[in-house]
Amino acid sequence: MAGANHTIIFPVPLEALWDVITDYESYVEFVEGLEDLKITKREGNVVFADYTLSMAGKTVRYTLKHTETPKKALKWEMIEGEVFKHNNGGWDLKAKGDDKVEATYTVDVGLPWFVPKTFVDMLTGTQLPAMMKAFEEQAKKRAGGASKKEKSAKGDKPAAKGKKK
């Protein structure tokens, strides 16, 4: 079993981060190793998706069931798949003002082989923070770039809607 948990404060609006987290099919644009993702079914706040991942030189396919609690949490569980015995996890989100979100990402993956501590350390120390940074960058793009506080610190003012600068 390989598990990881990472909490970070994102300098983005909750709405923008939630939009990125729940735009599953866009993950292929910024999640390293993800080759394909297809939504297969939506039922209210439950979304089923097929993932194709390149991992350790292998192509791995699996289906996740995502359960959304809008702007608060996203939980997933593996329904079927190759290689993984299980793959469960989620995002827990807490707004911390207009342009900050405390986000906790948790993942628990069961693999059919022994997982050395160095692999788990690499996951939690390097790959997980890098993946969360990729989500932050996507959320910043969707929010229109820098947060309001970052813009005022730089002296930038957002352009008025409908007008050219």
N, C-alpha and C. Protein backbone atom coordinates (compact mmCIF):
# COMPACT_ATOMS: atom_id res chain seq x y z
N MET A 1 0.84 -1.17 0.00
CA MET A 1 0.00 0.00 0.00
C MET A 1 0.89 1.24 0.00
N ALA A 2 0.57 2.21 -0.86
CA ALA A 2 1.29 3.48 -0.91
C ALA A 2 0.27 4.60 -0.70
N GLY A 3 0.46 5.34 0.34
CA GLY A 3 -0.47 6.42 0.63
C GLY A 3 0.26 7.72 0.83
N ALA A 4 -0.44 8.79 0.56
CA ALA A 4 0.15 10.11 0.74
C ALA A 4 -0.95 11.10 1.06
N ASN A 5 -0.58 12.12 1.79
CA ASN A 5 -1.49 13.18 2.18
C ASN A 5 -0.69 14.48 2.15
N HIS A 6 -1.22 15.49 1.49
CA HIS A 6 -0.48 16.76 1.37
C HIS A 6 -1.47 17.91 1.48
N THR A 7 -1.16 18.89 2.32
CA THR A 7 -2.01 20.08 2.48
C THR A 7 -1.21 21.30 2.07
N ILE A 8 -1.87 22.19 1.33
CA ILE A 8 -1.23 23.41 0.85
C ILE A 8 -2.28 24.53 0.79
N ILE A 9 -1.81 25.76 0.91
CA ILE A 9 -2.68 26.92 0.71
C ILE A 9 -2.47 27.38 -0.73
N PHE A 10 -3.54 27.32 -1.53
CA PHE A 10 -3.50 27.79 -2.92
C PHE A 10 -3.89 29.27 -2.94
N PRO A 11 -3.11 30.13 -3.60
CA PRO A 11 -3.46 31.55 -3.70
C PRO A 11 -4.42 31.79 -4.88
N VAL A 12 -5.57 31.12 -4.84
CA VAL A 12 -6.56 31.21 -5.92
C VAL A 12 -7.96 31.21 -5.31
N PRO A 13 -8.93 31.73 -6.04
CA PRO A 13 -10.32 31.66 -5.56
C PRO A 13 -10.81 30.21 -5.53
N LEU A 14 -11.64 29.89 -4.56
CA LEU A 14 -12.20 28.54 -4.42
C LEU A 14 -12.91 28.11 -5.70
N GLU A 15 -13.67 29.00 -6.30
CA GLU A 15 -14.42 28.69 -7.53
C GLU A 15 -13.47 28.20 -8.65
N ALA A 16 -12.34 28.87 -8.82
CA ALA A 16 -11.39 28.50 -9.87
C ALA A 16 -10.76 27.14 -9.60
N LEU A 17 -10.38 26.88 -8.35
CA LEU A 17 -9.78 25.59 -8.02
C LEU A 17 -10.80 24.47 -8.19
N TRP A 18 -12.02 24.69 -7.73
CA TRP A 18 -13.06 23.68 -7.88
C TRP A 18 -13.31 23.38 -9.36
N ASP A 19 -13.32 24.42 -10.18
CA ASP A 19 -13.52 24.26 -11.61
C ASP A 19 -12.45 23.35 -12.22
N VAL A 20 -11.20 23.53 -11.82
CA VAL A 20 -10.10 22.72 -12.34
C VAL A 20 -10.22 21.28 -11.82
N ILE A 21 -10.47 21.12 -10.55
CA ILE A 21 -10.54 19.78 -9.94
C ILE A 21 -11.65 18.95 -10.57
N THR A 22 -12.76 19.57 -10.95
CA THR A 22 -13.90 18.83 -11.49
C THR A 22 -13.95 18.83 -13.02
N ASP A 23 -12.96 19.42 -13.67
CA ASP A 23 -12.86 19.35 -15.13
C ASP A 23 -11.92 18.19 -15.46
N TYR A 24 -12.38 16.99 -15.18
CA TYR A 24 -11.56 15.79 -15.25
C TYR A 24 -10.84 15.64 -16.59
N GLU A 25 -11.56 15.84 -17.68
CA GLU A 25 -10.97 15.60 -18.99
C GLU A 25 -9.82 16.55 -19.31
N SER A 26 -9.74 17.69 -18.61
CA SER A 26 -8.61 18.60 -18.84
C SER A 26 -7.33 18.13 -18.13
N TYR A 27 -7.43 17.15 -17.23
CA TYR A 27 -6.26 16.64 -16.51
C TYR A 27 -5.14 16.23 -17.46
N VAL A 28 -5.50 15.68 -18.64
CA VAL A 28 -4.47 15.20 -19.57
C VAL A 28 -3.55 16.33 -20.02
N GLU A 29 -4.00 17.57 -19.90
CA GLU A 29 -3.19 18.72 -20.30
C GLU A 29 -2.09 19.06 -19.30
N PHE A 30 -2.25 18.64 -18.03
CA PHE A 30 -1.28 19.10 -17.03
C PHE A 30 -0.88 18.07 -15.97
N VAL A 31 -1.51 16.91 -15.93
CA VAL A 31 -1.12 15.89 -14.96
C VAL A 31 -0.10 14.95 -15.62
N GLU A 32 1.10 14.96 -15.09
CA GLU A 32 2.19 14.17 -15.66
C GLU A 32 1.85 12.68 -15.69
N GLY A 33 2.07 12.06 -16.84
CA GLY A 33 1.85 10.63 -16.99
C GLY A 33 0.44 10.24 -17.41
N LEU A 34 -0.51 11.17 -17.31
CA LEU A 34 -1.89 10.85 -17.69
C LEU A 34 -2.02 10.99 -19.20
N GLU A 35 -2.31 9.88 -19.86
CA GLU A 35 -2.39 9.87 -21.31
C GLU A 35 -3.79 10.12 -21.84
N ASP A 36 -4.81 9.65 -21.11
CA ASP A 36 -6.18 9.81 -21.58
C ASP A 36 -7.14 9.72 -20.40
N LEU A 37 -8.25 10.42 -20.51
CA LEU A 37 -9.29 10.37 -19.49
C LEU A 37 -10.61 10.63 -20.19
N LYS A 38 -11.55 9.73 -20.01
CA LYS A 38 -12.87 9.86 -20.63
C LYS A 38 -13.95 9.72 -19.56
N ILE A 39 -14.88 10.67 -19.53
CA ILE A 39 -16.04 10.57 -18.66
C ILE A 39 -16.98 9.54 -19.30
N THR A 40 -17.39 8.55 -18.53
CA THR A 40 -18.28 7.52 -19.07
C THR A 40 -19.72 7.68 -18.60
N LYS A 41 -19.91 8.34 -17.44
CA LYS A 41 -21.27 8.51 -16.93
C LYS A 41 -21.29 9.60 -15.86
N ARG A 42 -22.40 10.36 -15.86
CA ARG A 42 -22.66 11.36 -14.81
C ARG A 42 -24.04 11.09 -14.24
N GLU A 43 -24.11 11.05 -12.92
CA GLU A 43 -25.39 10.87 -12.23
C GLU A 43 -25.40 11.85 -11.06
N GLY A 44 -25.95 13.05 -11.27
CA GLY A 44 -25.95 14.06 -10.22
C GLY A 44 -24.54 14.45 -9.85
N ASN A 45 -24.16 14.22 -8.60
CA ASN A 45 -22.82 14.60 -8.14
C ASN A 45 -21.82 13.44 -8.22
N VAL A 46 -22.19 12.39 -8.98
CA VAL A 46 -21.30 11.24 -9.14
C VAL A 46 -20.85 11.17 -10.60
N VAL A 47 -19.53 11.06 -10.79
CA VAL A 47 -18.95 11.03 -12.13
C VAL A 47 -18.04 9.81 -12.25
N PHE A 48 -18.25 9.03 -13.29
CA PHE A 48 -17.40 7.87 -13.57
C PHE A 48 -16.47 8.23 -14.72
N ALA A 49 -15.19 7.87 -14.57
CA ALA A 49 -14.22 8.20 -15.61
C ALA A 49 -13.21 7.08 -15.79
N ASP A 50 -12.84 6.85 -17.06
CA ASP A 50 -11.80 5.89 -17.40
C ASP A 50 -10.48 6.63 -17.58
N TYR A 51 -9.45 6.19 -16.88
CA TYR A 51 -8.12 6.79 -16.92
C TYR A 51 -7.15 5.86 -17.65
N THR A 52 -6.23 6.45 -18.40
CA THR A 52 -5.09 5.72 -18.98
C THR A 52 -3.84 6.47 -18.54
N LEU A 53 -2.99 5.77 -17.82
CA LEU A 53 -1.82 6.37 -17.19
C LEU A 53 -0.56 5.63 -17.62
N SER A 54 0.50 6.39 -17.87
CA SER A 54 1.79 5.79 -18.14
C SER A 54 2.56 5.81 -16.81
N MET A 55 2.91 4.60 -16.32
CA MET A 55 3.54 4.50 -15.01
C MET A 55 4.64 3.46 -15.06
N ALA A 56 5.85 3.87 -14.74
CA ALA A 56 7.00 2.96 -14.70
C ALA A 56 7.14 2.17 -16.00
N GLY A 57 6.95 2.88 -17.12
CA GLY A 57 7.12 2.26 -18.43
C GLY A 57 5.95 1.40 -18.88
N LYS A 58 4.87 1.38 -18.10
CA LYS A 58 3.69 0.58 -18.44
C LYS A 58 2.49 1.49 -18.64
N THR A 59 1.54 1.03 -19.45
CA THR A 59 0.27 1.72 -19.59
C THR A 59 -0.72 1.05 -18.65
N VAL A 60 -1.33 1.83 -17.79
CA VAL A 60 -2.26 1.32 -16.78
C VAL A 60 -3.62 1.96 -17.01
N ARG A 61 -4.66 1.13 -17.01
CA ARG A 61 -6.03 1.63 -17.19
C ARG A 61 -6.85 1.31 -15.94
N TYR A 62 -7.72 2.26 -15.57
CA TYR A 62 -8.59 2.04 -14.42
C TYR A 62 -9.79 2.98 -14.51
N THR A 63 -10.83 2.64 -13.78
CA THR A 63 -12.05 3.45 -13.73
C THR A 63 -12.25 3.93 -12.31
N LEU A 64 -12.49 5.24 -12.17
CA LEU A 64 -12.76 5.83 -10.87
C LEU A 64 -14.19 6.35 -10.80
N LYS A 65 -14.77 6.21 -9.63
CA LYS A 65 -16.06 6.82 -9.31
C LYS A 65 -15.75 8.03 -8.44
N HIS A 66 -16.08 9.22 -8.94
CA HIS A 66 -15.85 10.47 -8.21
C HIS A 66 -17.17 10.93 -7.58
N THR A 67 -17.14 11.31 -6.33
CA THR A 67 -18.31 11.86 -5.66
C THR A 67 -17.98 13.29 -5.24
N GLU A 68 -18.75 14.23 -5.79
CA GLU A 68 -18.50 15.65 -5.56
C GLU A 68 -19.41 16.23 -4.48
N THR A 69 -18.82 16.97 -3.57
CA THR A 69 -19.55 17.82 -2.64
C THR A 69 -19.11 19.23 -3.03
N PRO A 70 -19.92 19.92 -3.85
CA PRO A 70 -19.48 21.17 -4.49
C PRO A 70 -18.74 22.14 -3.57
N LYS A 71 -17.55 22.51 -4.06
CA LYS A 71 -16.66 23.49 -3.43
C LYS A 71 -16.21 23.10 -2.02
N LYS A 72 -16.37 21.82 -1.67
CA LYS A 72 -15.92 21.35 -0.36
C LYS A 72 -15.04 20.12 -0.46
N ALA A 73 -15.47 19.16 -1.27
CA ALA A 73 -14.71 17.90 -1.32
C ALA A 73 -14.99 17.14 -2.60
N LEU A 74 -14.00 16.38 -3.00
CA LEU A 74 -14.13 15.43 -4.10
C LEU A 74 -13.48 14.15 -3.60
N LYS A 75 -14.23 13.08 -3.62
CA LYS A 75 -13.71 11.77 -3.19
C LYS A 75 -13.78 10.82 -4.38
N TRP A 76 -12.82 9.91 -4.47
CA TRP A 76 -12.88 8.91 -5.52
C TRP A 76 -12.54 7.54 -4.98
N GLU A 77 -13.04 6.55 -5.72
CA GLU A 77 -12.70 5.16 -5.42
C GLU A 77 -12.61 4.41 -6.75
N MET A 78 -11.68 3.48 -6.80
CA MET A 78 -11.50 2.71 -8.02
C MET A 78 -12.61 1.65 -8.12
N ILE A 79 -13.24 1.59 -9.29
CA ILE A 79 -14.28 0.62 -9.55
C ILE A 79 -13.69 -0.63 -10.20
N GLU A 80 -12.76 -0.42 -11.13
CA GLU A 80 -12.06 -1.53 -11.76
C GLU A 80 -10.74 -1.00 -12.32
N GLY A 81 -9.80 -1.92 -12.53
CA GLY A 81 -8.55 -1.47 -13.10
C GLY A 81 -7.49 -2.53 -13.16
N GLU A 82 -6.42 -2.15 -13.82
CA GLU A 82 -5.24 -2.99 -13.97
C GLU A 82 -4.19 -2.52 -12.96
N VAL A 83 -3.36 -3.39 -12.54
CA VAL A 83 -2.22 -3.13 -11.66
C VAL A 83 -2.64 -2.77 -10.23
N PHE A 84 -3.42 -1.70 -10.05
CA PHE A 84 -3.79 -1.28 -8.70
C PHE A 84 -4.76 -2.28 -8.06
N LYS A 85 -4.52 -2.57 -6.79
CA LYS A 85 -5.50 -3.35 -6.02
C LYS A 85 -6.64 -2.42 -5.63
N HIS A 86 -6.29 -1.20 -5.31
CA HIS A 86 -7.28 -0.16 -5.04
C HIS A 86 -6.64 1.20 -5.30
N ASN A 87 -7.48 2.20 -5.48
CA ASN A 87 -7.03 3.58 -5.69
C ASN A 87 -8.14 4.47 -5.16
N ASN A 88 -7.95 4.98 -3.97
CA ASN A 88 -8.95 5.82 -3.30
C ASN A 88 -8.28 7.12 -2.88
N GLY A 89 -9.07 8.16 -2.80
CA GLY A 89 -8.50 9.42 -2.34
C GLY A 89 -9.48 10.55 -2.49
N GLY A 90 -8.92 11.76 -2.46
CA GLY A 90 -9.79 12.91 -2.62
C GLY A 90 -9.12 14.23 -2.32
N TRP A 91 -9.92 15.25 -2.52
CA TRP A 91 -9.56 16.63 -2.20
C TRP A 91 -10.52 17.11 -1.12
N ASP A 92 -10.00 17.79 -0.11
CA ASP A 92 -10.82 18.51 0.87
C ASP A 92 -10.42 19.97 0.77
N LEU A 93 -11.42 20.85 0.60
CA LEU A 93 -11.17 22.27 0.37
C LEU A 93 -11.82 23.13 1.43
N LYS A 94 -11.09 24.18 1.85
CA LYS A 94 -11.61 25.16 2.81
C LYS A 94 -11.21 26.55 2.33
N ALA A 95 -12.20 27.40 2.07
CA ALA A 95 -11.91 28.78 1.67
C ALA A 95 -11.23 29.50 2.83
N LYS A 96 -10.22 30.26 2.50
CA LYS A 96 -9.48 31.05 3.49
C LYS A 96 -9.43 32.50 3.02
N GLY A 97 -10.60 33.10 2.81
CA GLY A 97 -10.66 34.44 2.25
C GLY A 97 -11.01 34.37 0.78
N ASP A 98 -11.02 35.53 0.11
CA ASP A 98 -11.41 35.60 -1.30
C ASP A 98 -10.50 34.83 -2.23
N ASP A 99 -9.22 34.89 -1.99
CA ASP A 99 -8.26 34.34 -2.95
C ASP A 99 -7.33 33.30 -2.35
N LYS A 100 -7.81 32.54 -1.38
CA LYS A 100 -6.99 31.49 -0.80
C LYS A 100 -7.86 30.29 -0.47
N VAL A 101 -7.29 29.11 -0.72
CA VAL A 101 -7.98 27.86 -0.43
C VAL A 101 -6.99 26.91 0.24
N GLU A 102 -7.39 26.38 1.39
CA GLU A 102 -6.60 25.31 2.00
C GLU A 102 -7.07 24.01 1.35
N ALA A 103 -6.16 23.33 0.69
CA ALA A 103 -6.50 22.10 -0.03
C ALA A 103 -5.69 20.95 0.53
N THR A 104 -6.38 19.88 0.87
CA THR A 104 -5.72 18.66 1.31
C THR A 104 -6.01 17.58 0.27
N TYR A 105 -4.95 17.02 -0.29
CA TYR A 105 -5.05 15.96 -1.29
C TYR A 105 -4.59 14.67 -0.62
N THR A 106 -5.42 13.64 -0.72
CA THR A 106 -5.11 12.35 -0.11
C THR A 106 -5.25 11.28 -1.18
N VAL A 107 -4.30 10.36 -1.19
CA VAL A 107 -4.39 9.23 -2.11
C VAL A 107 -3.88 7.98 -1.39
N ASP A 108 -4.55 6.87 -1.66
CA ASP A 108 -4.15 5.58 -1.10
C ASP A 108 -4.26 4.56 -2.24
N VAL A 109 -3.12 4.06 -2.67
CA VAL A 109 -3.07 3.16 -3.81
C VAL A 109 -2.49 1.82 -3.36
N GLY A 110 -3.21 0.76 -3.68
CA GLY A 110 -2.72 -0.59 -3.39
C GLY A 110 -2.06 -1.14 -4.63
N LEU A 111 -0.81 -1.55 -4.49
CA LEU A 111 -0.05 -2.11 -5.61
C LEU A 111 0.20 -3.59 -5.35
N PRO A 112 0.35 -4.38 -6.42
CA PRO A 112 0.53 -5.82 -6.24
C PRO A 112 1.94 -6.22 -5.81
N TRP A 113 2.79 -5.27 -5.56
CA TRP A 113 4.15 -5.57 -5.15
C TRP A 113 4.52 -4.69 -3.96
N PHE A 114 5.58 -5.06 -3.28
CA PHE A 114 6.07 -4.29 -2.15
C PHE A 114 6.50 -2.90 -2.63
N VAL A 115 6.12 -1.89 -1.88
CA VAL A 115 6.50 -0.52 -2.23
C VAL A 115 7.54 -0.03 -1.23
N PRO A 116 8.76 0.20 -1.69
CA PRO A 116 9.81 0.66 -0.78
C PRO A 116 9.53 2.06 -0.25
N LYS A 117 10.05 2.32 0.94
CA LYS A 117 9.87 3.62 1.56
C LYS A 117 10.40 4.75 0.66
N THR A 118 11.46 4.49 -0.09
CA THR A 118 12.01 5.53 -0.97
C THR A 118 11.00 5.94 -2.04
N PHE A 119 10.16 4.99 -2.52
CA PHE A 119 9.12 5.32 -3.50
C PHE A 119 8.06 6.22 -2.87
N VAL A 120 7.62 5.86 -1.67
CA VAL A 120 6.62 6.68 -0.97
C VAL A 120 7.20 8.06 -0.67
N ASP A 121 8.47 8.13 -0.25
CA ASP A 121 9.12 9.42 0.02
C ASP A 121 9.19 10.27 -1.24
N MET A 122 9.49 9.63 -2.40
CA MET A 122 9.54 10.37 -3.66
C MET A 122 8.15 10.91 -4.00
N LEU A 123 7.13 10.07 -3.79
CA LEU A 123 5.76 10.49 -4.08
C LEU A 123 5.36 11.69 -3.22
N THR A 124 5.58 11.60 -1.93
CA THR A 124 5.15 12.66 -1.03
C THR A 124 6.07 13.88 -1.06
N GLY A 125 7.36 13.66 -1.35
CA GLY A 125 8.31 14.76 -1.31
C GLY A 125 8.48 15.51 -2.62
N THR A 126 8.20 14.86 -3.75
CA THR A 126 8.46 15.47 -5.05
C THR A 126 7.23 15.48 -5.95
N GLN A 127 6.72 14.29 -6.26
CA GLN A 127 5.65 14.19 -7.25
C GLN A 127 4.33 14.80 -6.80
N LEU A 128 3.93 14.55 -5.58
CA LEU A 128 2.65 15.08 -5.09
C LEU A 128 2.67 16.61 -5.03
N PRO A 129 3.70 17.24 -4.46
CA PRO A 129 3.74 18.71 -4.49
C PRO A 129 3.77 19.27 -5.91
N ALA A 130 4.48 18.61 -6.84
CA ALA A 130 4.54 19.08 -8.22
C ALA A 130 3.16 18.98 -8.88
N MET A 131 2.44 17.90 -8.60
CA MET A 131 1.10 17.74 -9.16
C MET A 131 0.16 18.82 -8.61
N MET A 132 0.26 19.09 -7.32
CA MET A 132 -0.59 20.13 -6.72
C MET A 132 -0.25 21.50 -7.30
N LYS A 133 1.02 21.75 -7.57
CA LYS A 133 1.44 23.01 -8.20
C LYS A 133 0.81 23.13 -9.59
N ALA A 134 0.72 22.03 -10.32
CA ALA A 134 0.09 22.04 -11.64
C ALA A 134 -1.39 22.41 -11.53
N PHE A 135 -2.08 21.89 -10.52
CA PHE A 135 -3.48 22.27 -10.30
C PHE A 135 -3.59 23.75 -9.96
N GLU A 136 -2.65 24.25 -9.14
CA GLU A 136 -2.65 25.68 -8.79
C GLU A 136 -2.49 26.54 -10.04
N GLU A 137 -1.55 26.18 -10.90
CA GLU A 137 -1.33 26.97 -12.12
C GLU A 137 -2.56 26.98 -13.01
N GLN A 138 -3.23 25.85 -13.13
CA GLN A 138 -4.45 25.79 -13.93
C GLN A 138 -5.54 26.66 -13.31
N ALA A 139 -5.66 26.63 -11.99
CA ALA A 139 -6.67 27.45 -11.31
C ALA A 139 -6.37 28.94 -11.50
N LYS A 140 -5.10 29.31 -11.47
CA LYS A 140 -4.74 30.72 -11.70
C LYS A 140 -5.13 31.15 -13.11
N LYS A 141 -4.91 30.27 -14.09
CA LYS A 141 -5.30 30.60 -15.47
C LYS A 141 -6.80 30.81 -15.56
N ARG A 142 -7.56 29.95 -14.92
CA ARG A 142 -9.02 30.06 -14.99
C ARG A 142 -9.53 31.26 -14.23
N ALA A 143 -8.79 31.68 -13.22
CA ALA A 143 -9.20 32.86 -12.44
C ALA A 143 -8.76 34.15 -13.11
N GLY A 144 -8.06 34.02 -14.24
CA GLY A 144 -7.61 35.21 -14.95
C GLY A 144 -6.22 35.65 -14.57
N GLY A 145 -5.40 34.73 -14.15
CA GLY A 145 -4.00 35.06 -13.83
C GLY A 145 -3.78 35.13 -12.34
N ALA A 146 -3.08 36.14 -11.92
CA ALA A 146 -2.72 36.31 -10.51
C ALA A 146 -3.96 36.63 -9.68
N SER A 147 -3.88 36.32 -8.40
CA SER A 147 -4.98 36.65 -7.49
C SER A 147 -5.06 38.16 -7.31
N LYS A 148 -6.18 38.63 -6.74
CA LYS A 148 -6.37 40.07 -6.51
C LYS A 148 -5.23 40.64 -5.67
N LYS A 149 -4.84 39.90 -4.62
CA LYS A 149 -3.76 40.38 -3.74
C LYS A 149 -2.45 40.46 -4.49
N GLU A 150 -2.15 39.45 -5.34
CA GLU A 150 -0.90 39.48 -6.12
C GLU A 150 -0.91 40.66 -7.08
N LYS A 151 -2.08 40.94 -7.70
CA LYS A 151 -2.17 42.07 -8.63
C LYS A 151 -1.97 43.39 -7.90
N SER A 152 -2.61 43.56 -6.71
CA SER A 152 -2.43 44.84 -6.02
C SER A 152 -1.03 45.00 -5.49
N ALA A 153 -0.37 43.89 -5.16
CA ALA A 153 1.01 43.98 -4.70
C ALA A 153 1.92 44.44 -5.84
N LYS A 154 1.57 44.05 -7.07
CA LYS A 154 2.35 44.45 -8.24
C LYS A 154 1.88 45.79 -8.79
N GLY A 155 0.75 46.29 -8.29
CA GLY A 155 0.22 47.55 -8.80
C GLY A 155 -0.64 47.39 -10.03
N ASP A 156 -0.94 46.13 -10.41
CA ASP A 156 -1.79 45.89 -11.57
C ASP A 156 -3.24 46.03 -11.17
N LYS A 157 -4.03 46.54 -12.07
CA LYS A 157 -5.47 46.59 -11.87
C LYS A 157 -6.10 45.76 -12.95
N PRO A 158 -7.09 44.94 -12.58
CA PRO A 158 -7.74 44.15 -13.61
C PRO A 158 -8.47 45.05 -14.61
N ALA A 159 -8.47 44.67 -15.87
CA ALA A 159 -9.17 45.45 -16.89
C ALA A 159 -10.66 45.40 -16.64
N ALA A 160 -11.36 46.51 -16.94
CA ALA A 160 -12.80 46.53 -16.78
C ALA A 160 -13.41 45.55 -17.76
N LYS A 161 -14.49 44.89 -17.34
CA LYS A 161 -15.12 43.92 -18.22
C LYS A 161 -15.69 44.60 -19.43
N GLY A 162 -15.45 43.99 -20.58
CA GLY A 162 -16.00 44.48 -21.83
C GLY A 162 -15.22 45.62 -22.46
N LYS A 163 -14.13 46.05 -21.82
CA LYS A 163 -13.32 47.14 -22.37
C LYS A 163 -11.92 46.65 -22.63
N LYS A 164 -11.33 47.17 -23.66
CA LYS A 164 -9.94 46.83 -23.97
C LYS A 164 -9.03 47.74 -23.19
N LYS A 165 -7.85 47.25 -22.83
CA LYS A 165 -6.85 48.07 -22.12
C LYS A 165 -6.18 48.99 -23.08
